[in-house]
Amino acid sequence: MVVGIVIRLVIAFVLLVLVFSSSLHRQAGVGAIRLHDRRQHAQQWAEERNQLRSYMTMDYAPWHRRVPKHN
């Protein structure tokens, strides 16, 4: 009688440990994926920022005056 209860408790404990370990492993994998996505997003944002900066600082005049306009 007591042995049956102990065996049931041990089995329940082992199942509980397996469930928690698999969920923790999944969360670690999701964290790594999120970190990779965040890095990739940061790189894309840096490229877009550089493109926008070069566009905003682009010189629209095809030629330059030799004498400044406001002298």
C-alpha atoms as a PDB file:
ATOM      1  CA  MET A   1       0.000   0.000   0.000  1.00  0.00           C
ATOM      2  CA  VAL A   2       2.690   2.487   1.042  1.00  0.00           C
ATOM      3  CA  VAL A   3       4.974   1.309  -1.778  1.00  0.00           C
ATOM      4  CA  GLY A   4       2.248   2.054  -4.354  1.00  0.00           C
ATOM      5  CA  ILE A   5       1.822   5.594  -3.014  1.00  0.00           C
ATOM      6  CA  VAL A   6       5.585   6.180  -3.083  1.00  0.00           C
ATOM      7  CA  ILE A   7       5.824   4.891  -6.665  1.00  0.00           C
ATOM      8  CA  ARG A   8       2.949   7.165  -7.742  1.00  0.00           C
ATOM      9  CA  LEU A   9       4.624  10.163  -6.084  1.00  0.00           C
ATOM     10  CA  VAL A  10       7.954   9.383  -7.762  1.00  0.00           C
ATOM     11  CA  ILE A  11       6.285   9.040 -11.170  1.00  0.00           C
ATOM     12  CA  ALA A  12       4.370  12.299 -10.671  1.00  0.00           C
ATOM     13  CA  PHE A  13       7.577  14.067  -9.635  1.00  0.00           C
ATOM     14  CA  VAL A  14       9.495  12.750 -12.662  1.00  0.00           C
ATOM     15  CA  LEU A  15       6.696  13.851 -15.015  1.00  0.00           C
ATOM     16  CA  LEU A  16       6.625  17.286 -13.384  1.00  0.00           C
ATOM     17  CA  VAL A  17      10.386  17.674 -13.813  1.00  0.00           C
ATOM     18  CA  LEU A  18      10.178  16.615 -17.478  1.00  0.00           C
ATOM     19  CA  VAL A  19       7.374  19.083 -18.210  1.00  0.00           C
ATOM     20  CA  PHE A  20       9.195  21.992 -16.579  1.00  0.00           C
ATOM     21  CA  SER A  21      12.539  21.178 -18.188  1.00  0.00           C
ATOM     22  CA  SER A  22      11.002  21.027 -21.680  1.00  0.00           C
ATOM     23  CA  SER A  23       9.170  24.328 -21.172  1.00  0.00           C
ATOM     24  CA  LEU A  24      12.355  25.998 -19.910  1.00  0.00           C
ATOM     25  CA  HIS A  25      14.262  24.644 -22.901  1.00  0.00           C
ATOM     26  CA  ARG A  26      11.601  26.039 -25.253  1.00  0.00           C
ATOM     27  CA  GLN A  27      11.752  29.441 -23.572  1.00  0.00           C
ATOM     28  CA  ALA A  28      15.534  29.525 -23.958  1.00  0.00           C
ATOM     29  CA  GLY A  29      15.140  28.788 -27.666  1.00  0.00           C
ATOM     30  CA  VAL A  30      12.531  31.511 -28.049  1.00  0.00           C
ATOM     31  CA  GLY A  31      14.835  33.957 -26.251  1.00  0.00           C
ATOM     32  CA  ALA A  32      17.657  33.172 -28.661  1.00  0.00           C
ATOM     33  CA  ILE A  33      15.346  33.674 -31.641  1.00  0.00           C
ATOM     34  CA  ARG A  34      14.138  36.995 -30.242  1.00  0.00           C
ATOM     35  CA  LEU A  35      17.722  38.136 -29.710  1.00  0.00           C
ATOM     36  CA  HIS A  36      18.600  37.216 -33.293  1.00  0.00           C
ATOM     37  CA  ASP A  37      15.513  39.051 -34.607  1.00  0.00           C
ATOM     38  CA  ARG A  38      16.402  42.087 -32.528  1.00  0.00           C
ATOM     39  CA  ARG A  39      19.945  42.140 -33.920  1.00  0.00           C
ATOM     40  CA  GLN A  40      18.681  41.734 -37.473  1.00  0.00           C
ATOM     41  CA  HIS A  41      16.150  44.525 -36.932  1.00  0.00           C
ATOM     42  CA  ALA A  42      18.885  46.785 -35.545  1.00  0.00           C
ATOM     43  CA  GLN A  43      21.086  46.138 -38.586  1.00  0.00           C
ATOM     44  CA  GLN A  44      18.237  46.867 -40.993  1.00  0.00           C
ATOM     45  CA  TRP A  45      17.371  50.035 -39.079  1.00  0.00           C
ATOM     46  CA  ALA A  46      21.009  51.183 -39.223  1.00  0.00           C
ATOM     47  CA  GLU A  47      21.088  50.654 -42.995  1.00  0.00           C
ATOM     48  CA  GLU A  48      17.837  52.577 -43.465  1.00  0.00           C
ATOM     49  CA  ARG A  49      19.094  55.365 -41.213  1.00  0.00           C
ATOM     50  CA  ASN A  50      22.294  55.685 -43.252  1.00  0.00           C
ATOM     51  CA  GLN A  51      20.315  55.773 -46.506  1.00  0.00           C
ATOM     52  CA  LEU A  52      17.989  58.418 -45.123  1.00  0.00           C
ATOM     53  CA  ARG A  53      20.913  60.472 -43.829  1.00  0.00           C
ATOM     54  CA  SER A  54      22.649  60.392 -47.213  1.00  0.00           C
ATOM     55  CA  TYR A  55      19.376  61.353 -48.902  1.00  0.00           C
ATOM     56  CA  MET A  56      18.672  64.229 -46.508  1.00  0.00           C
ATOM     57  CA  THR A  57      22.188  65.647 -46.765  1.00  0.00           C
ATOM     58  CA  MET A  58      22.307  65.262 -50.546  1.00  0.00           C
ATOM     59  CA  ASP A  59      23.272  68.380 -52.437  1.00  0.00           C
ATOM     60  CA  TYR A  60      20.424  69.255 -54.767  1.00  0.00           C
ATOM     61  CA  ALA A  61      22.389  71.843 -56.763  1.00  0.00           C
ATOM     62  CA  PRO A  62      24.105  70.295 -59.789  1.00  0.00           C
ATOM     63  CA  TRP A  63      26.771  73.038 -59.744  1.00  0.00           C
ATOM     64  CA  HIS A  64      28.342  75.312 -57.129  1.00  0.00           C
ATOM     65  CA  ARG A  65      28.748  79.059 -57.318  1.00  0.00           C
ATOM     66  CA  ARG A  66      32.301  80.323 -57.278  1.00  0.00           C
ATOM     67  CA  VAL A  67      31.206  83.432 -55.419  1.00  0.00           C
ATOM     68  CA  PRO A  68      29.000  82.855 -52.367  1.00  0.00           C
ATOM     69  CA  LYS A  69      25.438  84.057 -52.787  1.00  0.00           C
ATOM     70  CA  HIS A  70      25.360  86.005 -49.523  1.00  0.00           C
ATOM     71  CA  ASN A  71      28.630  87.869 -49.518  1.00  0.00           C
END
